[in-house]
PDB file of N, CA and C in Angstrom:
ATOM      1  N   UNK A   1     242.044 111.517 -73.917  1.00  0.00           N
ATOM      2  CA  UNK A   1     240.848 112.335 -73.812  1.00  0.00           C
ATOM      3  C   UNK A   1     241.027 113.625 -74.593  1.00  0.00           C
ATOM      4  N   UNK A   2     239.966 114.115 -75.091  1.00  0.00           N
ATOM      5  CA  UNK A   2     239.992 115.357 -75.844  1.00  0.00           C
ATOM      6  C   UNK A   2     239.885 116.533 -74.873  1.00  0.00           C
ATOM      7  N   UNK A   3     240.916 117.382 -74.862  1.00  0.00           N
ATOM      8  CA  UNK A   3     240.933 118.498 -73.911  1.00  0.00           C
ATOM      9  C   UNK A   3     239.839 119.510 -74.209  1.00  0.00           C
ATOM     10  N   UNK A   4     239.497 119.684 -75.482  1.00  0.00           N
ATOM     11  CA  UNK A   4     238.417 120.617 -75.825  1.00  0.00           C
ATOM     12  C   UNK A   4     237.095 120.133 -75.248  1.00  0.00           C
ATOM     13  N   UNK A   5     236.877 118.840 -75.255  1.00  0.00           N
ATOM     14  CA  UNK A   5     235.635 118.272 -74.719  1.00  0.00           C
ATOM     15  C   UNK A   5     235.561 118.503 -73.209  1.00  0.00           C
ATOM     16  N   UNK A   6     236.686 118.365 -72.517  1.00  0.00           N
ATOM     17  CA  UNK A   6     236.704 118.575 -71.069  1.00  0.00           C
ATOM     18  C   UNK A   6     236.430 120.034 -70.736  1.00  0.00           C
ATOM     19  N   UNK A   7     237.056 120.955 -71.472  1.00  0.00           N
ATOM     20  CA  UNK A   7     236.831 122.385 -71.248  1.00  0.00           C
ATOM     21  C   UNK A   7     235.376 122.736 -71.534  1.00  0.00           C
ATOM     22  N   UNK A   8     234.825 122.169 -72.594  1.00  0.00           N
ATOM     23  CA  UNK A   8     233.423 122.408 -72.933  1.00  0.00           C
ATOM     24  C   UNK A   8     232.501 121.919 -71.824  1.00  0.00           C
ATOM     25  N   UNK A   9     232.804 120.778 -71.248  1.00  0.00           N
ATOM     26  CA  UNK A   9     231.991 120.246 -70.158  1.00  0.00           C
ATOM     27  C   UNK A   9     232.063 121.142 -68.934  1.00  0.00           C
ATOM     28  N   UNK A  10     233.260 121.622 -68.605  1.00  0.00           N
ATOM     29  CA  UNK A  10     233.420 122.508 -67.450  1.00  0.00           C
ATOM     30  C   UNK A  10     232.636 123.802 -67.656  1.00  0.00           C
ATOM     31  N   UNK A  11     232.705 124.366 -68.860  1.00  0.00           N
ATOM     32  CA  UNK A  11     231.966 125.596 -69.150  1.00  0.00           C
ATOM     33  C   UNK A  11     230.465 125.354 -69.054  1.00  0.00           C
ATOM     34  N   UNK A  12     229.999 124.221 -69.562  1.00  0.00           N
ATOM     35  CA  UNK A  12     228.567 123.899 -69.474  1.00  0.00           C
ATOM     36  C   UNK A  12     228.127 123.741 -68.024  1.00  0.00           C
ATOM     37  N   UNK A  13     228.967 123.132 -67.196  1.00  0.00           N
ATOM     38  CA  UNK A  13     228.623 122.962 -65.784  1.00  0.00           C
ATOM     39  C   UNK A  13     228.534 124.315 -65.089  1.00  0.00           C
ATOM     40  N   UNK A  14     229.459 125.233 -65.424  1.00  0.00           N
ATOM     41  CA  UNK A  14     229.414 126.578 -64.837  1.00  0.00           C
ATOM     42  C   UNK A  14     228.128 127.287 -65.243  1.00  0.00           C
ATOM     43  N   UNK A  15     227.774 127.218 -66.525  1.00  0.00           N
ATOM     44  CA  UNK A  15     226.529 127.834 -66.971  1.00  0.00           C
ATOM     45  C   UNK A  15     225.321 127.177 -66.306  1.00  0.00           C
ATOM     46  N   UNK A  16     225.391 125.885 -66.081  1.00  0.00           N
ATOM     47  CA  UNK A  16     224.298 125.182 -65.415  1.00  0.00           C
ATOM     48  C   UNK A  16     224.127 125.678 -63.983  1.00  0.00           C
ATOM     49  N   UNK A  17     225.244 125.871 -63.274  1.00  0.00           N
ATOM     50  CA  UNK A  17     225.178 126.374 -61.896  1.00  0.00           C
ATOM     51  C   UNK A  17     224.594 127.784 -61.868  1.00  0.00           C
ATOM     52  N   UNK A  18     225.029 128.637 -62.803  1.00  0.00           N
ATOM     53  CA  UNK A  18     224.496 130.002 -62.873  1.00  0.00           C
ATOM     54  C   UNK A  18     223.009 129.979 -63.209  1.00  0.00           C
ATOM     55  N   UNK A  19     222.601 129.098 -64.109  1.00  0.00           N
ATOM     56  CA  UNK A  19     221.182 128.994 -64.465  1.00  0.00           C
ATOM     57  C   UNK A  19     220.343 128.544 -63.279  1.00  0.00           C
ATOM     58  N   UNK A  20     220.849 127.592 -62.512  1.00  0.00           N
ATOM     59  CA  UNK A  20     220.118 127.130 -61.327  1.00  0.00           C
ATOM     60  C   UNK A  20     220.016 128.260 -60.307  1.00  0.00           C
ATOM     61  N   UNK A  21     221.104 129.028 -60.147  1.00  0.00           N
ATOM     62  CA  UNK A  21     221.088 130.161 -59.228  1.00  0.00           C
ATOM     63  C   UNK A  21     220.044 131.189 -59.662  1.00  0.00           C
ATOM     64  N   UNK A  22     220.007 131.505 -60.948  1.00  0.00           N
ATOM     65  CA  UNK A  22     219.024 132.465 -61.458  1.00  0.00           C
ATOM     66  C   UNK A  22     217.609 131.907 -61.419  1.00  0.00           C
ATOM     67  N   UNK A  23     217.497 130.588 -61.498  1.00  0.00           N
ATOM     68  CA  UNK A  23     216.189 129.936 -61.517  1.00  0.00           C
ATOM     69  C   UNK A  23     215.409 130.219 -60.239  1.00  0.00           C
ATOM     70  N   UNK A  24     216.106 130.341 -59.119  1.00  0.00           N
ATOM     71  CA  UNK A  24     215.436 130.511 -57.836  1.00  0.00           C
ATOM     72  C   UNK A  24     215.292 131.970 -57.420  1.00  0.00           C
ATOM     73  N   UNK A  25     215.655 132.896 -58.282  1.00  0.00           N
ATOM     74  CA  UNK A  25     215.455 134.314 -57.984  1.00  0.00           C
ATOM     75  C   UNK A  25     214.029 134.713 -58.322  1.00  0.00           C
ATOM     76  N   UNK A  26     213.675 135.928 -57.886  1.00  0.00           N
ATOM     77  CA  UNK A  26     212.341 136.464 -58.177  1.00  0.00           C
ATOM     78  C   UNK A  26     212.319 136.915 -59.630  1.00  0.00           C
ATOM     79  N   UNK A  27     211.626 136.171 -60.487  1.00  0.00           N
ATOM     80  CA  UNK A  27     211.633 136.433 -61.919  1.00  0.00           C
ATOM     81  C   UNK A  27     210.231 136.736 -62.435  1.00  0.00           C
ATOM     82  N   UNK A  28     210.187 137.453 -63.543  1.00  0.00           N
ATOM     83  CA  UNK A  28     208.918 137.642 -64.242  1.00  0.00           C
ATOM     84  C   UNK A  28     208.579 136.327 -64.946  1.00  0.00           C
ATOM     85  N   UNK A  29     207.330 136.122 -65.311  1.00  0.00           N
ATOM     86  CA  UNK A  29     206.967 134.847 -65.969  1.00  0.00           C
ATOM     87  C   UNK A  29     207.755 134.570 -67.250  1.00  0.00           C
ATOM     88  N   UNK A  30     208.032 135.612 -68.049  1.00  0.00           N
ATOM     89  CA  UNK A  30     208.788 135.399 -69.284  1.00  0.00           C
ATOM     90  C   UNK A  30     210.215 134.950 -68.984  1.00  0.00           C
ATOM     91  N   UNK A  31     210.873 135.615 -68.039  1.00  0.00           N
ATOM     92  CA  UNK A  31     212.233 135.212 -67.674  1.00  0.00           C
ATOM     93  C   UNK A  31     212.246 133.828 -67.044  1.00  0.00           C
ATOM     94  N   UNK A  32     211.199 133.491 -66.306  1.00  0.00           N
ATOM     95  CA  UNK A  32     211.099 132.166 -65.705  1.00  0.00           C
ATOM     96  C   UNK A  32     211.040 131.091 -66.783  1.00  0.00           C
ATOM     97  N   UNK A  33     210.230 131.316 -67.814  1.00  0.00           N
ATOM     98  CA  UNK A  33     210.116 130.352 -68.917  1.00  0.00           C
ATOM     99  C   UNK A  33     211.433 130.252 -69.679  1.00  0.00           C
ATOM    100  N   UNK A  34     212.069 131.395 -69.946  1.00  0.00           N
ATOM    101  CA  UNK A  34     213.357 131.375 -70.642  1.00  0.00           C
ATOM    102  C   UNK A  34     214.423 130.670 -69.815  1.00  0.00           C
ATOM    103  N   UNK A  35     214.379 130.841 -68.497  1.00  0.00           N
ATOM    104  CA  UNK A  35     215.334 130.161 -67.626  1.00  0.00           C
ATOM    105  C   UNK A  35     215.129 128.655 -67.652  1.00  0.00           C
ATOM    106  N   UNK A  36     213.885 128.205 -67.691  1.00  0.00           N
ATOM    107  CA  UNK A  36     213.610 126.765 -67.768  1.00  0.00           C
ATOM    108  C   UNK A  36     214.149 126.202 -69.084  1.00  0.00           C
ATOM    109  N   UNK A  37     213.940 126.930 -70.181  1.00  0.00           N
ATOM    110  CA  UNK A  37     214.447 126.475 -71.484  1.00  0.00           C
ATOM    111  C   UNK A  37     215.971 126.412 -71.466  1.00  0.00           C
ATOM    112  N   UNK A  38     216.613 127.458 -70.956  1.00  0.00           N
ATOM    113  CA  UNK A  38     218.077 127.477 -70.885  1.00  0.00           C
ATOM    114  C   UNK A  38     218.620 126.392 -69.986  1.00  0.00           C
ATOM    115  N   UNK A  39     217.966 126.178 -68.856  1.00  0.00           N
ATOM    116  CA  UNK A  39     218.405 125.150 -67.919  1.00  0.00           C
ATOM    117  C   UNK A  39     218.307 123.766 -68.538  1.00  0.00           C
ATOM    118  N   UNK A  40     217.228 123.514 -69.264  1.00  0.00           N
ATOM    119  CA  UNK A  40     217.088 122.198 -69.890  1.00  0.00           C
ATOM    120  C   UNK A  40     218.095 122.013 -71.023  1.00  0.00           C
ATOM    121  N   UNK A  41     218.375 123.062 -71.800  1.00  0.00           N
ATOM    122  CA  UNK A  41     219.374 122.961 -72.876  1.00  0.00           C
ATOM    123  C   UNK A  41     220.753 122.658 -72.312  1.00  0.00           C
ATOM    124  N   UNK A  42     221.156 123.392 -71.261  1.00  0.00           N
ATOM    125  CA  UNK A  42     222.463 123.148 -70.667  1.00  0.00           C
ATOM    126  C   UNK A  42     222.534 121.778 -70.014  1.00  0.00           C
ATOM    127  N   UNK A  43     221.429 121.320 -69.443  1.00  0.00           N
ATOM    128  CA  UNK A  43     221.422 119.980 -68.848  1.00  0.00           C
ATOM    129  C   UNK A  43     221.656 118.913 -69.912  1.00  0.00           C
ATOM    130  N   UNK A  44     220.997 119.048 -71.048  1.00  0.00           N
ATOM    131  CA  UNK A  44     221.154 118.077 -72.131  1.00  0.00           C
ATOM    132  C   UNK A  44     222.574 118.117 -72.687  1.00  0.00           C
ATOM    133  N   UNK A  45     223.107 119.323 -72.919  1.00  0.00           N
ATOM    134  CA  UNK A  45     224.470 119.437 -73.450  1.00  0.00           C
ATOM    135  C   UNK A  45     225.494 118.861 -72.486  1.00  0.00           C
ATOM    136  N   UNK A  46     225.334 119.137 -71.196  1.00  0.00           N
ATOM    137  CA  UNK A  46     226.265 118.604 -70.202  1.00  0.00           C
ATOM    138  C   UNK A  46     226.171 117.088 -70.143  1.00  0.00           C
ATOM    139  N   UNK A  47     224.968 116.541 -70.212  1.00  0.00           N
ATOM    140  CA  UNK A  47     224.789 115.088 -70.198  1.00  0.00           C
ATOM    141  C   UNK A  47     225.479 114.442 -71.398  1.00  0.00           C
ATOM    142  N   UNK A  48     225.322 115.043 -72.573  1.00  0.00           N
ATOM    143  CA  UNK A  48     225.942 114.495 -73.783  1.00  0.00           C
ATOM    144  C   UNK A  48     227.460 114.544 -73.672  1.00  0.00           C
ATOM    145  N   UNK A  49     228.002 115.674 -73.188  1.00  0.00           N
ATOM    146  CA  UNK A  49     229.452 115.798 -73.047  1.00  0.00           C
ATOM    147  C   UNK A  49     230.007 114.778 -72.063  1.00  0.00           C
ATOM    148  N   UNK A  50     229.370 114.645 -70.918  1.00  0.00           N
ATOM    149  CA  UNK A  50     229.862 113.704 -69.906  1.00  0.00           C
ATOM    150  C   UNK A  50     229.748 112.272 -70.413  1.00  0.00           C
ATOM    151  N   UNK A  51     228.667 111.958 -71.121  1.00  0.00           N
ATOM    152  CA  UNK A  51     228.499 110.605 -71.662  1.00  0.00           C
ATOM    153  C   UNK A  51     229.604 110.286 -72.666  1.00  0.00           C
ATOM    154  N   UNK A  52     229.934 111.246 -73.533  1.00  0.00           N
ATOM    155  CA  UNK A  52     230.991 111.006 -74.518  1.00  0.00           C
ATOM    156  C   UNK A  52     232.354 110.870 -73.852  1.00  0.00           C
ATOM    157  N   UNK A  53     232.608 111.664 -72.809  1.00  0.00           N
ATOM    158  CA  UNK A  53     233.881 111.549 -72.093  1.00  0.00           C
ATOM    159  C   UNK A  53     233.987 110.173 -71.448  1.00  0.00           C
ATOM    160  N   UNK A  54     232.915 109.719 -70.804  1.00  0.00           N
ATOM    161  CA  UNK A  54     232.954 108.414 -70.142  1.00  0.00           C
ATOM    162  C   UNK A  54     233.078 107.278 -71.148  1.00  0.00           C
ATOM    163  N   UNK A  55     232.453 107.397 -72.306  1.00  0.00           N
ATOM    164  CA  UNK A  55     232.575 106.355 -73.323  1.00  0.00           C
ATOM    165  C   UNK A  55     233.984 106.315 -73.903  1.00  0.00           C
ATOM    166  N   UNK A  56     234.628 107.477 -74.036  1.00  0.00           N
ATOM    167  CA  UNK A  56     235.992 107.511 -74.562  1.00  0.00           C
ATOM    168  C   UNK A  56     236.999 106.983 -73.553  1.00  0.00           C
ATOM    169  N   UNK A  57     236.723 107.119 -72.261  1.00  0.00           N
ATOM    170  CA  UNK A  57     237.630 106.594 -71.243  1.00  0.00           C
ATOM    171  C   UNK A  57     237.625 105.071 -71.286  1.00  0.00           C
ATOM    172  N   UNK A  58     236.465 104.481 -71.488  1.00  0.00           N
ATOM    173  CA  UNK A  58     236.364 103.024 -71.451  1.00  0.00           C
ATOM    174  C   UNK A  58     236.969 102.354 -72.676  1.00  0.00           C
ATOM    175  N   UNK A  59     237.260 103.112 -73.732  1.00  0.00           N
ATOM    176  CA  UNK A  59     237.834 102.512 -74.946  1.00  0.00           C
ATOM    177  C   UNK A  59     239.306 102.260 -74.802  1.00  0.00           C
TER     178      UNK A  59
END
């Protein structure tokens, strides 16, 4: 397994948790929209990283 990929996945998961935490705070509409965009970007990146890790394990 690629250690850089694992570290990247862990960092993305941490950012995802922080984004979810901020998502439920009292936000202005602009910050709310930016949080949704950030949350979706981190979700996609984390999904791609985890998918690549799982595909490399099965090889």
